[in-house]
């Protein structure tokens, strides 16, 4: 089992931690614990009475739990943030950090089926055995639904051709592995965009399998309830769908980007985005960690 930074090299580490902590004796939540890189950095910046709660639905992440009495691990999807906090006796926290990227560990373990670099059964579940797998999506979803997933979550122009190709091949035999899927659809990619095309296909399947967009929506809404006034919401996203949702929510408190108003016509905004957002990694960080190249960091303060 990989541990610590070998499991997942944290992106925009110090910038995100500096943006999160407003009270060194406060209570914070890392809703994407993973390899624990962000969590260890948070703990190193907290005082003796500070507390950190780490969420992760992947049982492999437990191997990275720090030996620190200020830390508590919750094995759960972050969409259950509010109820999970209440279960351990917390109603409010001083800040929430979310690094939405798939961990390097999940990409690098072949049997998880996340990567185009190795051959494995189509799975892509972030929590082992939880929910439907990519195999079920590829082999049972109607053609129209597949096309919608590839168009919305993969932002693929070839969405309908792709869905049609998959349905055609699966009628002859189930598409069971990542290699089989790549061999069936690879010819649809433009010659100079082959890897990008496949990455977008796998992204779309992963988002559908894990219900990522709905989970993020639920997380953001709950953050407005659990973060204390003056506390921080810190989110690192890796593709435009996530970033757009985070940006709109931080600006307006909803996902349409339009202000809701009270009886007197005043905007109802639970958060105020910090100026200069988004923050992106520098050239040096991208050279050290290529997966950081698409990262965008946004920080917002909970209003009174």
Foldseek 3Di string as FASTA:
>chain_A
DDAAVVFFPDFPQVVLLVLFDPALLWEEEEQDCGRNHNVVVNPVSHDPNYAYEYEAQAPVNVVHDDPHPRYHYDNDHLLCVQVVCVVVPAFAGQEYEYEPDDGPNCAPPPQCQLHLPDKYWFALERHPPPFDGLLCVLQPDDLVVQLVLLCPQLVDPCSNVLSVQSNVVVVVPRQTMSPSSCVSRQVVDDPVCRRVSSNSSSRSSNCVRHVPVVSLQSNLLVNLRHHDAFGKYKYKDQDDSSVLQVVLCQQAVGRVNDFDADPVRHGDHQKHWDPPFWDADDPVVCVVPVSRRRITMTMIGGHD
